[in-house]
Protein backbone atom coordinates (compact mmCIF):
# COMPACT_ATOMS: atom_id res chain seq x y z
CA MET A 1 -6.09 21.08 -37.53
CA ILE A 2 -4.75 18.49 -35.21
CA VAL A 3 -2.47 20.12 -32.87
CA VAL A 4 0.55 17.58 -31.82
CA GLY A 5 2.69 17.60 -29.84
CA LEU A 6 6.66 16.63 -29.80
CA THR A 7 8.52 16.77 -27.20
CA GLY A 8 11.74 14.81 -25.05
CA SER A 9 14.21 15.74 -22.13
CA ILE A 10 17.23 17.25 -22.59
CA GLY A 11 19.34 15.98 -25.79
CA MET A 12 17.45 13.52 -26.93
CA GLY A 13 17.34 14.55 -30.11
CA LYS A 14 13.78 16.31 -30.23
CA SER A 15 15.67 19.34 -32.54
CA THR A 16 16.04 16.12 -35.36
CA ALA A 17 12.60 14.93 -35.17
CA ALA A 18 11.27 18.73 -35.30
CA ASP A 19 13.84 18.84 -38.65
CA LEU A 20 12.05 16.13 -39.60
CA LEU A 21 8.94 16.60 -39.62
CA ARG A 22 9.80 20.15 -40.91
CA ARG A 23 11.02 17.96 -44.26
CA LEU A 24 8.33 15.60 -44.34
CA GLY A 25 5.87 19.01 -44.58
CA VAL A 26 4.69 19.76 -41.78
CA PRO A 27 4.57 23.19 -39.98
CA VAL A 28 6.28 23.34 -36.40
CA TYR A 29 6.38 25.41 -33.86
CA ASP A 30 9.91 26.36 -32.24
CA ALA A 31 9.43 27.55 -28.70
CA ASP A 32 12.55 28.30 -27.61
CA ALA A 33 13.31 30.10 -31.00
CA ALA A 34 10.54 31.70 -30.12
CA VAL A 35 12.35 32.49 -26.78
CA HIS A 36 15.44 33.15 -28.38
CA ARG A 37 14.06 35.84 -30.18
CA LEU A 38 12.41 37.66 -26.94
CA LEU A 39 15.56 37.66 -25.74
CA ALA A 40 17.61 38.97 -28.44
CA ARG A 41 18.43 42.39 -29.76
CA GLY A 42 15.10 43.83 -30.33
CA GLY A 43 13.29 40.87 -28.44
CA ARG A 44 10.10 41.81 -26.76
CA ALA A 45 11.51 40.46 -23.21
CA VAL A 46 14.28 42.29 -22.89
CA PRO A 47 13.55 45.48 -21.32
CA ALA A 48 12.12 43.87 -18.96
CA ILE A 49 14.72 41.73 -17.81
CA ALA A 50 16.89 44.24 -17.97
CA THR A 51 14.83 45.68 -15.25
CA ARG A 52 14.24 42.62 -13.49
CA PHE A 53 18.24 41.55 -13.79
CA LYS A 54 21.95 44.13 -13.56
CA ASP A 55 24.20 42.60 -15.28
CA VAL A 56 22.11 40.79 -17.99
CA VAL A 57 21.54 43.32 -20.92
CA ARG A 58 24.33 43.70 -23.38
CA ASP A 59 24.28 45.58 -26.57
CA GLY A 60 19.97 45.89 -26.72
CA ALA A 61 20.52 41.89 -26.37
CA VAL A 62 19.52 39.63 -22.75
CA ASP A 63 23.80 37.54 -22.78
CA ARG A 64 21.60 34.29 -21.68
CA PRO A 65 25.03 32.52 -19.66
CA ALA A 66 24.60 35.57 -18.07
CA LEU A 67 21.03 34.95 -17.77
CA GLY A 68 21.26 31.79 -16.93
CA ARG A 69 23.98 31.78 -14.11
CA ILE A 70 21.25 33.96 -12.22
CA VAL A 71 18.28 31.52 -12.55
CA PHE A 72 19.85 28.54 -12.58
CA ALA A 73 20.68 28.43 -8.75
CA ASP A 74 17.69 31.03 -7.68
CA PRO A 75 14.21 29.83 -8.11
CA ALA A 76 12.46 32.85 -7.52
CA ALA A 77 14.33 34.43 -10.37
CA LEU A 78 14.23 31.44 -12.51
CA LYS A 79 10.02 32.26 -11.86
CA ALA A 80 10.27 36.12 -12.16
CA LEU A 81 11.97 35.17 -15.21
CA GLU A 82 9.27 32.94 -16.58
CA ALA A 83 6.92 35.13 -15.18
CA ILE A 84 8.01 37.74 -18.46
CA VAL A 85 8.39 35.10 -20.45
CA HIS A 86 5.66 33.10 -20.79
CA PRO A 87 3.07 34.95 -21.80
CA LEU A 88 5.08 36.08 -24.62
CA VAL A 89 5.71 32.97 -25.48
CA TYR A 90 2.93 32.16 -25.59
CA GLU A 91 1.07 34.81 -27.32
CA ALA A 92 3.64 33.81 -30.03
CA GLN A 93 1.98 30.11 -30.30
CA ARG A 94 -1.54 31.31 -30.52
CA ARG A 95 0.08 33.62 -33.41
CA PHE A 96 1.17 30.10 -35.43
CA LEU A 97 -1.65 28.07 -35.10
CA ARG A 98 -3.96 30.29 -36.12
CA ALA A 99 -2.18 31.49 -39.47
CA GLN A 100 -1.02 27.36 -39.72
CA ALA A 101 -5.39 27.21 -39.35
CA GLN A 102 -6.19 29.85 -42.05
CA ARG A 103 -3.87 27.99 -44.33
CA ARG A 104 -5.66 25.17 -43.24
CA ALA A 105 -3.07 22.69 -41.98
CA ARG A 106 -4.29 19.17 -41.94
CA VAL A 107 -1.34 18.91 -38.85
CA VAL A 108 0.53 20.99 -37.19
CA VAL A 109 3.57 20.26 -34.27
CA LEU A 110 4.20 22.49 -31.05
CA ASP A 111 7.74 21.68 -30.29
CA ILE A 112 7.96 22.29 -26.30
CA PRO A 113 11.10 20.93 -23.89
CA LEU A 114 8.40 20.97 -20.61
CA LEU A 115 6.05 19.59 -22.87
CA PHE A 116 3.77 18.09 -20.24
CA GLU A 117 5.55 19.85 -16.32
CA GLY A 118 4.05 23.02 -17.83
CA GLY A 119 0.00 21.75 -18.86
CA GLY A 120 0.81 23.12 -23.00
CA VAL A 121 -0.03 19.18 -23.46
CA ARG A 122 -4.39 20.40 -22.84
CA ARG A 123 -3.89 22.25 -26.29
CA CYS A 124 -2.66 19.33 -27.83
CA ALA A 125 -4.76 16.77 -29.40
CA ALA A 126 -2.10 13.74 -29.09
CA THR A 127 1.66 13.84 -27.96
CA MET A 128 5.11 12.31 -29.33
CA VAL A 129 8.29 11.89 -27.35
CA VAL A 130 11.85 11.71 -28.11
CA SER A 131 13.50 9.40 -26.53
CA ALA A 132 16.99 7.26 -26.58
CA PRO A 133 19.35 5.52 -23.82
CA ALA A 134 20.61 7.80 -21.33
CA LEU A 135 24.56 7.61 -22.16
CA VAL A 136 23.63 8.07 -25.47
CA GLN A 137 21.86 10.88 -23.71
CA ARG A 138 24.17 12.46 -21.14
CA GLN A 139 27.37 11.50 -24.48
CA ARG A 140 25.19 14.01 -26.52
CA VAL A 141 24.96 16.86 -23.96
CA LEU A 142 27.69 17.20 -22.70
CA ARG A 143 29.23 17.95 -25.42
CA ARG A 144 27.83 20.92 -25.83
CA PRO A 145 30.20 24.04 -25.56
CA GLY A 146 29.69 24.91 -21.91
CA MET A 147 27.34 21.85 -20.18
CA THR A 148 28.93 20.31 -17.52
CA ALA A 149 27.60 17.08 -15.35
CA ALA A 150 26.81 19.02 -12.29
CA LYS A 151 24.57 21.67 -15.17
CA LEU A 152 22.87 18.79 -17.18
CA ALA A 153 21.74 17.39 -13.04
CA GLY A 154 20.77 20.42 -12.59
CA ILE A 155 18.78 20.41 -15.30
CA LEU A 156 17.22 17.12 -15.53
CA ALA A 157 16.22 17.87 -11.87
CA GLN A 158 13.16 19.81 -13.56
CA GLN A 159 12.27 18.02 -16.39
CA MET A 160 10.22 14.51 -15.98
CA PRO A 161 11.62 11.20 -16.35
CA ASP A 162 11.50 10.23 -19.46
CA ALA A 163 9.68 6.71 -18.30
CA GLU A 164 6.73 9.06 -17.45
CA LYS A 165 6.52 10.80 -20.76
CA ARG A 166 6.94 8.16 -22.85
CA ARG A 167 4.00 6.42 -20.31
CA ARG A 168 2.00 9.74 -21.42
CA ALA A 169 3.06 10.02 -25.20
CA ASP A 170 0.16 8.80 -27.71
CA VAL A 171 3.66 7.91 -29.83
CA VAL A 172 7.35 8.08 -28.20
CA VAL A 173 9.80 8.17 -31.25
CA PRO A 174 13.05 6.74 -30.60
CA THR A 175 15.68 9.17 -31.84
CA GLY A 176 19.29 6.50 -30.51
CA LEU A 177 19.74 3.85 -33.73
CA GLY A 178 20.34 6.90 -36.00
CA LYS A 179 18.29 9.52 -38.29
CA ARG A 180 16.89 6.67 -40.76
CA LEU A 181 14.85 4.76 -37.94
CA THR A 182 13.75 7.93 -36.60
CA TRP A 183 12.67 9.32 -40.04
CA ARG A 184 10.13 6.04 -40.55
CA ARG A 185 9.37 6.30 -37.08
CA LEU A 186 7.49 9.96 -37.60
CA ARG A 187 6.78 9.52 -41.25
CA ALA A 188 4.55 6.10 -40.11
CA ALA A 189 3.19 8.05 -36.36
CA LEU A 190 1.76 11.19 -39.04
CA PRO A 191 -1.70 9.25 -40.57
CA ALA A 192 -2.40 7.93 -37.33
CA LEU A 193 -1.36 11.76 -35.58
CA ALA A 194 -3.87 12.80 -37.95
CA ARG A 195 -6.84 10.92 -36.69
CA ALA A 196 -6.84 11.94 -33.73
CA ARG A 197 -9.68 13.81 -32.13
CA GLN A 198 -9.57 17.26 -33.08
CA PRO A 199 -9.40 19.89 -30.52
CA THR A 200 -11.36 23.67 -30.55
CA LEU A 201 -10.22 26.63 -30.55
CA ALA A 202 -10.56 27.47 -26.85
CA LEU A 203 -7.36 25.44 -26.12
CA TRP A 204 -5.48 27.32 -27.42
CA ALA A 205 -6.95 30.62 -28.21
CA GLY A 206 -8.44 31.21 -25.01
CA ARG A 207 -6.52 32.84 -22.29
CA PRO A 208 -2.67 31.74 -21.61
CA GLY A 209 -2.68 29.07 -18.97
CA PRO A 210 0.50 27.53 -18.05
CA VAL A 211 3.14 27.49 -20.67
CA LYS A 212 6.40 26.58 -19.02
CA GLN A 213 8.90 26.39 -21.39
CA ASP A 214 13.24 26.34 -20.93
CA ALA A 215 13.54 30.39 -20.41
CA ARG A 216 17.34 30.30 -18.94
CA THR A 217 19.77 29.20 -21.45
CA LYS A 218 20.98 25.32 -23.50
């Protein structure tokens, strides 16, 4: 089973690429969705977050905007949140990979926003980066509810520059010229990715290493 890491900076079209990959029949693990489940009502991270952060749990779920306001400007608080969330996300990732191995999937994709920044790339045989022009990226992100230019700047400061991600990637998928081109590039990339060096089981079934997601809010 070939494990491919999918990543890209905020607003680059990673979610769209992940959806297109699913349409192509590729199993995709969504790290952001895993975080949201952990913070939702009954989520496994909720009790620990309620203990560490006051007044961010309401009706059994984490108020993500309230939590985001706390950790966005406080590196120590962000590290405390990551210490709670990341091991649980990693555990969910391992369950996904084991299940797909049992199904004999040929290629699976790990959709991880901070793939290079957090070391998740070590568990991947190949990497795919989605990219769009900076102007398109900015327009996309600033259309999101509650997003501001200052908040975008803070998020980008936490992420590896797009140029460096593209340099490190095995495959770069453009997303700024419409879904049709993105679809064609993904379809063309899959056969080559399927021939990538196969990672050993230990790369994703052993002890957890640093697996950094953006656990704040989007």
